[in-house]
Every structure is written in C-alpha cells, then in structure tokens.
Amino acid sequence: MQQTGLVDSLNAIRAVAMEYGQPICMLVGQQGPEPDRPAAQSSSYGVRILPAILAAMGLDHFSIDSPADEAALTGAIDRADAVQRPFVALIGRTVTA
C-alpha cells in the first residue's frame, strides 16, 4: 500500500493487529522521498512523520532503501509470526536488482 493508505488505516491496524496480536506484514511505499536524505529530514511531510507515528504506536518497522535491505524482509516476517505482532517495511527509494 502507499503511505496514505497506511495512515488512513491506523485505527484498524491498532484494533486488529496490535490489540489482537496479529502478525500482519505491510509493505508501504513512501511517496516523494528524496534519495539524498533520511526520512526524518524529508521535505515531504508524509514521509517525515511516518516513522515517528509507527514508533509511537509501537509498530515494528524498518526501511528498504537498497537491494541489500531486501534480505531483512524474511527475518522480519518470521519475527512478526514468532511474536504475534505486525510490522511495516517502508519502501523509501527505488530498489533495483
């Protein structure tokens, strides 16, 4: 989904994924990230605030910014299943093989 869909879904994610301990794994494309700066310094408000929102909710998350980051997906999915908690992978930049 796109970051706007994630933000629109936060109450449902809180109610279903967080409260009932569902290992829902979300791949979230960020709209407008700049390749030369981290999300926290983005000129895009939506990109800039998303990691802080996820942290405030206690949602495990990480960024996929390069092909090397893709390898973390399998471990994150396994961890979500093991701890019965959701996670979000933020796709911030174009990832090519």
PDB file of N, CA and C in Angstrom:
ATOM      1  N   MET A   1       0.839  -1.175   0.000  1.00  0.00           N
ATOM      2  CA  MET A   1       0.000   0.000   0.000  1.00  0.00           C
ATOM      3  C   MET A   1       0.879   1.230   0.000  1.00  0.00           C
ATOM      4  N   GLN A   2       0.299   2.378  -0.251  1.00  0.00           N
ATOM      5  CA  GLN A   2       1.035   3.631  -0.155  1.00  0.00           C
ATOM      6  C   GLN A   2       0.929   4.155   1.277  1.00  0.00           C
ATOM      7  N   GLN A   3       1.803   5.082   1.616  1.00  0.00           N
ATOM      8  CA  GLN A   3       1.821   5.628   2.974  1.00  0.00           C
ATOM      9  C   GLN A   3       0.488   6.266   3.354  1.00  0.00           C
ATOM     10  N   THR A   4      -0.217   6.841   2.395  1.00  0.00           N
ATOM     11  CA  THR A   4      -1.500   7.447   2.716  1.00  0.00           C
ATOM     12  C   THR A   4      -2.518   6.383   3.131  1.00  0.00           C
ATOM     13  N   GLY A   5      -2.455   5.220   2.497  1.00  0.00           N
ATOM     14  CA  GLY A   5      -3.334   4.113   2.879  1.00  0.00           C
ATOM     15  C   GLY A   5      -3.028   3.611   4.274  1.00  0.00           C
ATOM     16  N   LEU A   6      -1.746   3.566   4.613  1.00  0.00           N
ATOM     17  CA  LEU A   6      -1.363   3.151   5.965  1.00  0.00           C
ATOM     18  C   LEU A   6      -1.902   4.130   6.997  1.00  0.00           C
ATOM     19  N   VAL A   7      -1.713   5.415   6.755  1.00  0.00           N
ATOM     20  CA  VAL A   7      -2.193   6.419   7.708  1.00  0.00           C
ATOM     21  C   VAL A   7      -3.717   6.347   7.830  1.00  0.00           C
ATOM     22  N   ASP A   8      -4.402   6.162   6.706  1.00  0.00           N
ATOM     23  CA  ASP A   8      -5.863   6.029   6.747  1.00  0.00           C
ATOM     24  C   ASP A   8      -6.309   4.796   7.528  1.00  0.00           C
ATOM     25  N   SER A   9      -5.454   3.789   7.614  1.00  0.00           N
ATOM     26  CA  SER A   9      -5.801   2.512   8.243  1.00  0.00           C
ATOM     27  C   SER A   9      -5.321   2.371   9.680  1.00  0.00           C
ATOM     28  N   LEU A  10      -4.729   3.397  10.255  1.00  0.00           N
ATOM     29  CA  LEU A  10      -4.099   3.254  11.576  1.00  0.00           C
ATOM     30  C   LEU A  10      -5.051   2.768  12.663  1.00  0.00           C
ATOM     31  N   ASN A  11      -6.280   3.216  12.678  1.00  0.00           N
ATOM     32  CA  ASN A  11      -7.193   2.764  13.719  1.00  0.00           C
ATOM     33  C   ASN A  11      -7.512   1.280  13.565  1.00  0.00           C
ATOM     34  N   ALA A  12      -7.703   0.830  12.339  1.00  0.00           N
ATOM     35  CA  ALA A  12      -7.960  -0.593  12.112  1.00  0.00           C
ATOM     36  C   ALA A  12      -6.726  -1.425  12.462  1.00  0.00           C
ATOM     37  N   ILE A  13      -5.540  -0.930  12.124  1.00  0.00           N
ATOM     38  CA  ILE A  13      -4.304  -1.635  12.471  1.00  0.00           C
ATOM     39  C   ILE A  13      -4.160  -1.719  13.986  1.00  0.00           C
ATOM     40  N   ARG A  14      -4.464  -0.625  14.665  1.00  0.00           N
ATOM     41  CA  ARG A  14      -4.405  -0.627  16.132  1.00  0.00           C
ATOM     42  C   ARG A  14      -5.364  -1.657  16.702  1.00  0.00           C
ATOM     43  N   ALA A  15      -6.603  -1.644  16.212  1.00  0.00           N
ATOM     44  CA  ALA A  15      -7.632  -2.523  16.770  1.00  0.00           C
ATOM     45  C   ALA A  15      -7.385  -3.991  16.447  1.00  0.00           C
ATOM     46  N   VAL A  16      -7.048  -4.294  15.229  1.00  0.00           N
ATOM     47  CA  VAL A  16      -6.916  -5.690  14.818  1.00  0.00           C
ATOM     48  C   VAL A  16      -5.502  -6.217  15.046  1.00  0.00           C
ATOM     49  N   ALA A  17      -4.524  -5.559  14.468  1.00  0.00           N
ATOM     50  CA  ALA A  17      -3.152  -6.078  14.511  1.00  0.00           C
ATOM     51  C   ALA A  17      -2.509  -5.933  15.886  1.00  0.00           C
ATOM     52  N   MET A  18      -2.663  -4.780  16.501  1.00  0.00           N
ATOM     53  CA  MET A  18      -1.984  -4.536  17.779  1.00  0.00           C
ATOM     54  C   MET A  18      -2.747  -5.180  18.947  1.00  0.00           C
ATOM     55  N   GLU A  19      -4.028  -4.899  19.065  1.00  0.00           N
ATOM     56  CA  GLU A  19      -4.798  -5.377  20.215  1.00  0.00           C
ATOM     57  C   GLU A  19      -4.991  -6.892  20.207  1.00  0.00           C
ATOM     58  N   TYR A  20      -5.133  -7.476  19.006  1.00  0.00           N
ATOM     59  CA  TYR A  20      -5.354  -8.918  18.923  1.00  0.00           C
ATOM     60  C   TYR A  20      -4.095  -9.698  18.553  1.00  0.00           C
ATOM     61  N   GLY A  21      -2.958  -8.998  18.483  1.00  0.00           N
ATOM     62  CA  GLY A  21      -1.690  -9.665  18.241  1.00  0.00           C
ATOM     63  C   GLY A  21      -1.629 -10.433  16.935  1.00  0.00           C
ATOM     64  N   GLN A  22      -1.959  -9.770  15.840  1.00  0.00           N
ATOM     65  CA  GLN A  22      -1.932 -10.409  14.528  1.00  0.00           C
ATOM     66  C   GLN A  22      -0.624 -10.053  13.807  1.00  0.00           C
ATOM     67  N   PRO A  23       0.082 -11.037  13.287  1.00  0.00           N
ATOM     68  CA  PRO A  23       1.352 -10.776  12.602  1.00  0.00           C
ATOM     69  C   PRO A  23       1.153 -10.301  11.161  1.00  0.00           C
ATOM     70  N   ILE A  24       0.494  -9.177  11.016  1.00  0.00           N
ATOM     71  CA  ILE A  24       0.229  -8.619   9.689  1.00  0.00           C
ATOM     72  C   ILE A  24       1.497  -7.920   9.199  1.00  0.00           C
ATOM     73  N   CYS A  25       1.938  -8.287   8.016  1.00  0.00           N
ATOM     74  CA  CYS A  25       3.152  -7.719   7.433  1.00  0.00           C
ATOM     75  C   CYS A  25       2.765  -6.769   6.314  1.00  0.00           C
ATOM     76  N   MET A  26       3.183  -5.520   6.430  1.00  0.00           N
ATOM     77  CA  MET A  26       2.786  -4.493   5.470  1.00  0.00           C
ATOM     78  C   MET A  26       3.996  -3.939   4.731  1.00  0.00           C
ATOM     79  N   LEU A  27       3.907  -3.898   3.410  1.00  0.00           N
ATOM     80  CA  LEU A  27       4.910  -3.241   2.577  1.00  0.00           C
ATOM     81  C   LEU A  27       4.307  -1.902   2.170  1.00  0.00           C
ATOM     82  N   VAL A  28       4.962  -0.829   2.570  1.00  0.00           N
ATOM     83  CA  VAL A  28       4.394   0.505   2.389  1.00  0.00           C
ATOM     84  C   VAL A  28       5.326   1.361   1.536  1.00  0.00           C
ATOM     85  N   GLY A  29       4.837   1.771   0.390  1.00  0.00           N
ATOM     86  CA  GLY A  29       5.597   2.663  -0.474  1.00  0.00           C
ATOM     87  C   GLY A  29       5.438   4.096  -0.009  1.00  0.00           C
ATOM     88  N   GLN A  30       6.566   4.768   0.125  1.00  0.00           N
ATOM     89  CA  GLN A  30       6.529   6.169   0.535  1.00  0.00           C
ATOM     90  C   GLN A  30       6.486   7.054  -0.706  1.00  0.00           C
ATOM     91  N   GLN A  31       5.681   8.075  -0.660  1.00  0.00           N
ATOM     92  CA  GLN A  31       5.521   8.985  -1.788  1.00  0.00           C
ATOM     93  C   GLN A  31       6.421  10.202  -1.607  1.00  0.00           C
ATOM     94  N   GLY A  32       7.361  10.370  -2.509  1.00  0.00           N
ATOM     95  CA  GLY A  32       8.180  11.575  -2.515  1.00  0.00           C
ATOM     96  C   GLY A  32       9.419  11.585  -1.650  1.00  0.00           C
ATOM     97  N   PRO A  33      10.009  10.430  -1.312  1.00  0.00           N
ATOM     98  CA  PRO A  33      11.246  10.504  -0.535  1.00  0.00           C
ATOM     99  C   PRO A  33      12.390  11.016  -1.404  1.00  0.00           C
ATOM    100  N   GLU A  34      13.293  11.763  -0.797  1.00  0.00           N
ATOM    101  CA  GLU A  34      14.465  12.247  -1.522  1.00  0.00           C
ATOM    102  C   GLU A  34      15.602  11.251  -1.320  1.00  0.00           C
ATOM    103  N   PRO A  35      16.257  10.825  -2.387  1.00  0.00           N
ATOM    104  CA  PRO A  35      17.301   9.809  -2.253  1.00  0.00           C
ATOM    105  C   PRO A  35      18.536  10.282  -1.499  1.00  0.00           C
ATOM    106  N   ASP A  36      18.678  11.585  -1.307  1.00  0.00           N
ATOM    107  CA  ASP A  36      19.882  12.100  -0.660  1.00  0.00           C
ATOM    108  C   ASP A  36      19.707  12.416   0.830  1.00  0.00           C
ATOM    109  N   ARG A  37      18.554  12.078   1.413  1.00  0.00           N
ATOM    110  CA  ARG A  37      18.352  12.372   2.832  1.00  0.00           C
ATOM    111  C   ARG A  37      17.451  11.348   3.495  1.00  0.00           C
ATOM    112  N   PRO A  38      17.645  11.139   4.795  1.00  0.00           N
ATOM    113  CA  PRO A  38      16.795  10.196   5.529  1.00  0.00           C
ATOM    114  C   PRO A  38      15.373  10.725   5.671  1.00  0.00           C
ATOM    115  N   ALA A  39      14.445   9.813   5.939  1.00  0.00           N
ATOM    116  CA  ALA A  39      13.029  10.187   6.050  1.00  0.00           C
ATOM    117  C   ALA A  39      12.800  11.303   7.062  1.00  0.00           C
ATOM    118  N   ALA A  40      13.502  11.275   8.177  1.00  0.00           N
ATOM    119  CA  ALA A  40      13.295  12.285   9.226  1.00  0.00           C
ATOM    120  C   ALA A  40      13.643  13.697   8.756  1.00  0.00           C
ATOM    121  N   GLN A  41      14.397  13.817   7.673  1.00  0.00           N
ATOM    122  CA  GLN A  41      14.779  15.130   7.146  1.00  0.00           C
ATOM    123  C   GLN A  41      14.100  15.444   5.822  1.00  0.00           C
ATOM    124  N   SER A  42      13.095  14.654   5.469  1.00  0.00           N
ATOM    125  CA  SER A  42      12.418  14.827   4.188  1.00  0.00           C
ATOM    126  C   SER A  42      11.644  16.136   4.134  1.00  0.00           C
ATOM    127  N   SER A  43      11.584  16.718   2.949  1.00  0.00           N
ATOM    128  CA  SER A  43      10.749  17.908   2.766  1.00  0.00           C
ATOM    129  C   SER A  43       9.278  17.519   2.630  1.00  0.00           C
ATOM    130  N   SER A  44       9.023  16.235   2.416  1.00  0.00           N
ATOM    131  CA  SER A  44       7.650  15.732   2.334  1.00  0.00           C
ATOM    132  C   SER A  44       7.130  15.441   3.747  1.00  0.00           C
ATOM    133  N   TYR A  45       6.091  16.132   4.130  1.00  0.00           N
ATOM    134  CA  TYR A  45       5.518  15.958   5.478  1.00  0.00           C
ATOM    135  C   TYR A  45       5.135  14.509   5.744  1.00  0.00           C
ATOM    136  N   GLY A  46       4.477  13.864   4.775  1.00  0.00           N
ATOM    137  CA  GLY A  46       4.034  12.482   4.952  1.00  0.00           C
ATOM    138  C   GLY A  46       5.191  11.520   5.156  1.00  0.00           C
ATOM    139  N   VAL A  47       6.272  11.705   4.413  1.00  0.00           N
ATOM    140  CA  VAL A  47       7.460  10.866   4.566  1.00  0.00           C
ATOM    141  C   VAL A  47       8.115  11.137   5.918  1.00  0.00           C
ATOM    142  N   ARG A  48       8.215  12.396   6.279  1.00  0.00           N
ATOM    143  CA  ARG A  48       8.910  12.809   7.507  1.00  0.00           C
ATOM    144  C   ARG A  48       8.242  12.278   8.778  1.00  0.00           C
ATOM    145  N   ILE A  49       6.918  12.265   8.839  1.00  0.00           N
ATOM    146  CA  ILE A  49       6.240  11.906  10.091  1.00  0.00           C
ATOM    147  C   ILE A  49       5.974  10.414  10.252  1.00  0.00           C
ATOM    148  N   LEU A  50       6.005   9.653   9.156  1.00  0.00           N
ATOM    149  CA  LEU A  50       5.589   8.258   9.231  1.00  0.00           C
ATOM    150  C   LEU A  50       6.413   7.407  10.207  1.00  0.00           C
ATOM    151  N   PRO A  51       7.745   7.446  10.198  1.00  0.00           N
ATOM    152  CA  PRO A  51       8.487   6.634  11.173  1.00  0.00           C
ATOM    153  C   PRO A  51       8.145   6.986  12.627  1.00  0.00           C
ATOM    154  N   ALA A  52       7.931   8.259  12.902  1.00  0.00           N
ATOM    155  CA  ALA A  52       7.584   8.672  14.267  1.00  0.00           C
ATOM    156  C   ALA A  52       6.203   8.155  14.677  1.00  0.00           C
ATOM    157  N   ILE A  53       5.261   8.151  13.743  1.00  0.00           N
ATOM    158  CA  ILE A  53       3.921   7.616  14.028  1.00  0.00           C
ATOM    159  C   ILE A  53       4.009   6.126  14.336  1.00  0.00           C
ATOM    160  N   LEU A  54       4.749   5.397  13.519  1.00  0.00           N
ATOM    161  CA  LEU A  54       4.892   3.954  13.735  1.00  0.00           C
ATOM    162  C   LEU A  54       5.571   3.668  15.071  1.00  0.00           C
ATOM    163  N   ALA A  55       6.590   4.446  15.404  1.00  0.00           N
ATOM    164  CA  ALA A  55       7.276   4.266  16.684  1.00  0.00           C
ATOM    165  C   ALA A  55       6.336   4.565  17.845  1.00  0.00           C
ATOM    166  N   ALA A  56       5.532   5.621  17.739  1.00  0.00           N
ATOM    167  CA  ALA A  56       4.593   5.984  18.813  1.00  0.00           C
ATOM    168  C   ALA A  56       3.557   4.881  19.028  1.00  0.00           C
ATOM    169  N   MET A  57       3.186   4.197  17.959  1.00  0.00           N
ATOM    170  CA  MET A  57       2.215   3.107  18.069  1.00  0.00           C
ATOM    171  C   MET A  57       2.852   1.803  18.522  1.00  0.00           C
ATOM    172  N   GLY A  58       4.173   1.761  18.546  1.00  0.00           N
ATOM    173  CA  GLY A  58       4.859   0.525  18.910  1.00  0.00           C
ATOM    174  C   GLY A  58       4.873  -0.488  17.781  1.00  0.00           C
ATOM    175  N   LEU A  59       4.713  -0.014  16.555  1.00  0.00           N
ATOM    176  CA  LEU A  59       4.742  -0.890  15.382  1.00  0.00           C
ATOM    177  C   LEU A  59       6.177  -1.086  14.921  1.00  0.00           C
ATOM    178  N   ASP A  60       6.632  -2.335  14.911  1.00  0.00           N
ATOM    179  CA  ASP A  60       7.964  -2.621  14.384  1.00  0.00           C
ATOM    180  C   ASP A  60       8.012  -2.193  12.923  1.00  0.00           C
ATOM    181  N   HIS A  61       9.108  -1.545  12.547  1.00  0.00           N
ATOM    182  CA  HIS A  61       9.244  -1.098  11.168  1.00  0.00           C
ATOM    183  C   HIS A  61      10.720  -0.947  10.807  1.00  0.00           C
ATOM    184  N   PHE A  62      10.977  -0.978   9.525  1.00  0.00           N
ATOM    185  CA  PHE A  62      12.305  -0.698   9.013  1.00  0.00           C
ATOM    186  C   PHE A  62      12.157  -0.194   7.590  1.00  0.00           C
ATOM    187  N   SER A  63      13.234   0.365   7.069  1.00  0.00           N
ATOM    188  CA  SER A  63      13.212   0.927   5.719  1.00  0.00           C
ATOM    189  C   SER A  63      13.931   0.017   4.739  1.00  0.00           C
ATOM    190  N   ILE A  64      13.398  -0.026   3.551  1.00  0.00           N
ATOM    191  CA  ILE A  64      14.058  -0.703   2.441  1.00  0.00           C
ATOM    192  C   ILE A  64      14.499   0.405   1.487  1.00  0.00           C
ATOM    193  N   ASP A  65      15.793   0.685   1.533  1.00  0.00           N
ATOM    194  CA  ASP A  65      16.340   1.768   0.723  1.00  0.00           C
ATOM    195  C   ASP A  65      17.352   1.293  -0.310  1.00  0.00           C
ATOM    196  N   SER A  66      17.718   0.016  -0.260  1.00  0.00           N
ATOM    197  CA  SER A  66      18.677  -0.520  -1.217  1.00  0.00           C
ATOM    198  C   SER A  66      18.412  -2.016  -1.368  1.00  0.00           C
ATOM    199  N   PRO A  67      18.955  -2.610  -2.413  1.00  0.00           N
ATOM    200  CA  PRO A  67      18.765  -4.049  -2.581  1.00  0.00           C
ATOM    201  C   PRO A  67      19.247  -4.861  -1.372  1.00  0.00           C
ATOM    202  N   ALA A  68      20.267  -4.397  -0.693  1.00  0.00           N
ATOM    203  CA  ALA A  68      20.775  -5.116   0.477  1.00  0.00           C
ATOM    204  C   ALA A  68      19.733  -5.172   1.600  1.00  0.00           C
ATOM    205  N   ASP A  69      18.873  -4.177   1.679  1.00  0.00           N
ATOM    206  CA  ASP A  69      17.849  -4.133   2.728  1.00  0.00           C
ATOM    207  C   ASP A  69      16.755  -5.176   2.521  1.00  0.00           C
ATOM    208  N   GLU A  70      16.595  -5.635   1.289  1.00  0.00           N
ATOM    209  CA  GLU A  70      15.538  -6.599   0.988  1.00  0.00           C
ATOM    210  C   GLU A  70      15.699  -7.890   1.777  1.00  0.00           C
ATOM    211  N   ALA A  71      16.926  -8.263   2.079  1.00  0.00           N
ATOM    212  CA  ALA A  71      17.189  -9.510   2.804  1.00  0.00           C
ATOM    213  C   ALA A  71      16.561  -9.514   4.192  1.00  0.00           C
ATOM    214  N   ALA A  72      16.339  -8.354   4.762  1.00  0.00           N
ATOM    215  CA  ALA A  72      15.754  -8.261   6.098  1.00  0.00           C
ATOM    216  C   ALA A  72      14.283  -8.646   6.120  1.00  0.00           C
ATOM    217  N   LEU A  73      13.629  -8.672   4.969  1.00  0.00           N
ATOM    218  CA  LEU A  73      12.196  -8.977   4.928  1.00  0.00           C
ATOM    219  C   LEU A  73      11.870 -10.354   5.482  1.00  0.00           C
ATOM    220  N   THR A  74      12.615 -11.353   5.094  1.00  0.00           N
ATOM    221  CA  THR A  74      12.323 -12.714   5.554  1.00  0.00           C
ATOM    222  C   THR A  74      12.407 -12.799   7.069  1.00  0.00           C
ATOM    223  N   GLY A  75      13.458 -12.241   7.651  1.00  0.00           N
ATOM    224  CA  GLY A  75      13.601 -12.257   9.104  1.00  0.00           C
ATOM    225  C   GLY A  75      12.497 -11.478   9.801  1.00  0.00           C
ATOM    226  N   ALA A  76      12.080 -10.364   9.210  1.00  0.00           N
ATOM    227  CA  ALA A  76      11.015  -9.556   9.809  1.00  0.00           C
ATOM    228  C   ALA A  76       9.683 -10.299   9.790  1.00  0.00           C
ATOM    229  N   ILE A  77       9.412 -11.001   8.706  1.00  0.00           N
ATOM    230  CA  ILE A  77       8.178 -11.787   8.622  1.00  0.00           C
ATOM    231  C   ILE A  77       8.207 -12.913   9.650  1.00  0.00           C
ATOM    232  N   ASP A  78       9.339 -13.592   9.754  1.00  0.00           N
ATOM    233  CA  ASP A  78       9.468 -14.664  10.748  1.00  0.00           C
ATOM    234  C   ASP A  78       9.313 -14.124  12.161  1.00  0.00           C
ATOM    235  N   ARG A  79       9.906 -12.959  12.437  1.00  0.00           N
ATOM    236  CA  ARG A  79       9.806 -12.365  13.770  1.00  0.00           C
ATOM    237  C   ARG A  79       8.364 -11.958  14.077  1.00  0.00           C
ATOM    238  N   ALA A  80       7.668 -11.358  13.110  1.00  0.00           N
ATOM    239  CA  ALA A  80       6.270 -10.966  13.308  1.00  0.00           C
ATOM    240  C   ALA A  80       5.429 -12.180  13.672  1.00  0.00           C
ATOM    241  N   ASP A  81       5.674 -13.288  13.011  1.00  0.00           N
ATOM    242  CA  ASP A  81       4.944 -14.511  13.304  1.00  0.00           C
ATOM    243  C   ASP A  81       5.301 -15.048  14.693  1.00  0.00           C
ATOM    244  N   ALA A  82       6.568 -15.012  15.042  1.00  0.00           N
ATOM    245  CA  ALA A  82       7.013 -15.544  16.330  1.00  0.00           C
ATOM    246  C   ALA A  82       6.469 -14.739  17.512  1.00  0.00           C
ATOM    247  N   VAL A  83       6.410 -13.416  17.369  1.00  0.00           N
ATOM    248  CA  VAL A  83       5.961 -12.574  18.492  1.00  0.00           C
ATOM    249  C   VAL A  83       4.498 -12.159  18.369  1.00  0.00           C
ATOM    250  N   GLN A  84       3.854 -12.587  17.254  1.00  0.00           N
ATOM    251  CA  GLN A  84       2.441 -12.264  17.019  1.00  0.00           C
ATOM    252  C   GLN A  84       2.189 -10.758  17.081  1.00  0.00           C
ATOM    253  N   ARG A  85       3.008 -10.035  16.322  1.00  0.00           N
ATOM    254  CA  ARG A  85       2.890  -8.582  16.222  1.00  0.00           C
ATOM    255  C   ARG A  85       3.072  -8.181  14.763  1.00  0.00           C
ATOM    256  N   PRO A  86       2.440  -7.095  14.347  1.00  0.00           N
ATOM    257  CA  PRO A  86       2.607  -6.638  12.967  1.00  0.00           C
ATOM    258  C   PRO A  86       3.956  -5.943  12.758  1.00  0.00           C
ATOM    259  N   PHE A  87       4.323  -5.777  11.500  1.00  0.00           N
ATOM    260  CA  PHE A  87       5.473  -4.959  11.168  1.00  0.00           C
ATOM    261  C   PHE A  87       5.224  -4.254   9.849  1.00  0.00           C
ATOM    262  N   VAL A  88       5.976  -3.191   9.637  1.00  0.00           N
ATOM    263  CA  VAL A  88       5.860  -2.378   8.426  1.00  0.00           C
ATOM    264  C   VAL A  88       7.241  -2.243   7.794  1.00  0.00           C
ATOM    265  N   ALA A  89       7.329  -2.535   6.523  1.00  0.00           N
ATOM    266  CA  ALA A  89       8.544  -2.271   5.759  1.00  0.00           C
ATOM    267  C   ALA A  89       8.258  -1.037   4.904  1.00  0.00           C
ATOM    268  N   LEU A  90       8.997   0.030   5.156  1.00  0.00           N
ATOM    269  CA  LEU A  90       8.828   1.276   4.416  1.00  0.00           C
ATOM    270  C   LEU A  90       9.747   1.264   3.197  1.00  0.00           C
ATOM    271  N   ILE A  91       9.160   1.285   2.023  1.00  0.00           N
ATOM    272  CA  ILE A  91       9.944   1.287   0.799  1.00  0.00           C
ATOM    273  C   ILE A  91      10.164   2.746   0.418  1.00  0.00           C
ATOM    274  N   GLY A  92      11.386   3.200   0.666  1.00  0.00           N
ATOM    275  CA  GLY A  92      11.657   4.624   0.541  1.00  0.00           C
ATOM    276  C   GLY A  92      12.272   5.054  -0.758  1.00  0.00           C
ATOM    277  N   ARG A  93      12.991   4.172  -1.406  1.00  0.00           N
ATOM    278  CA  ARG A  93      13.677   4.562  -2.625  1.00  0.00           C
ATOM    279  C   ARG A  93      13.497   3.459  -3.654  1.00  0.00           C
ATOM    280  N   THR A  94      13.801   3.754  -4.880  1.00  0.00           N
ATOM    281  CA  THR A  94      13.706   2.751  -5.917  1.00  0.00           C
ATOM    282  C   THR A  94      14.723   1.660  -5.637  1.00  0.00           C
ATOM    283  N   VAL A  95      14.248   0.450  -5.548  1.00  0.00           N
ATOM    284  CA  VAL A  95      15.105  -0.694  -5.273  1.00  0.00           C
ATOM    285  C   VAL A  95      15.205  -1.491  -6.562  1.00  0.00           C
ATOM    286  N   THR A  96      16.421  -1.634  -7.057  1.00  0.00           N
ATOM    287  CA  THR A  96      16.636  -2.417  -8.260  1.00  0.00           C
ATOM    288  C   THR A  96      17.643  -3.522  -7.987  1.00  0.00           C
ATOM    289  N   ALA A  97      17.537  -4.568  -8.742  1.00  0.00           N
ATOM    290  CA  ALA A  97      18.447  -5.694  -8.562  1.00  0.00           C
ATOM    291  C   ALA A  97      19.774  -5.440  -9.212  1.00  0.00           C
TER     292      ALA A  97
END
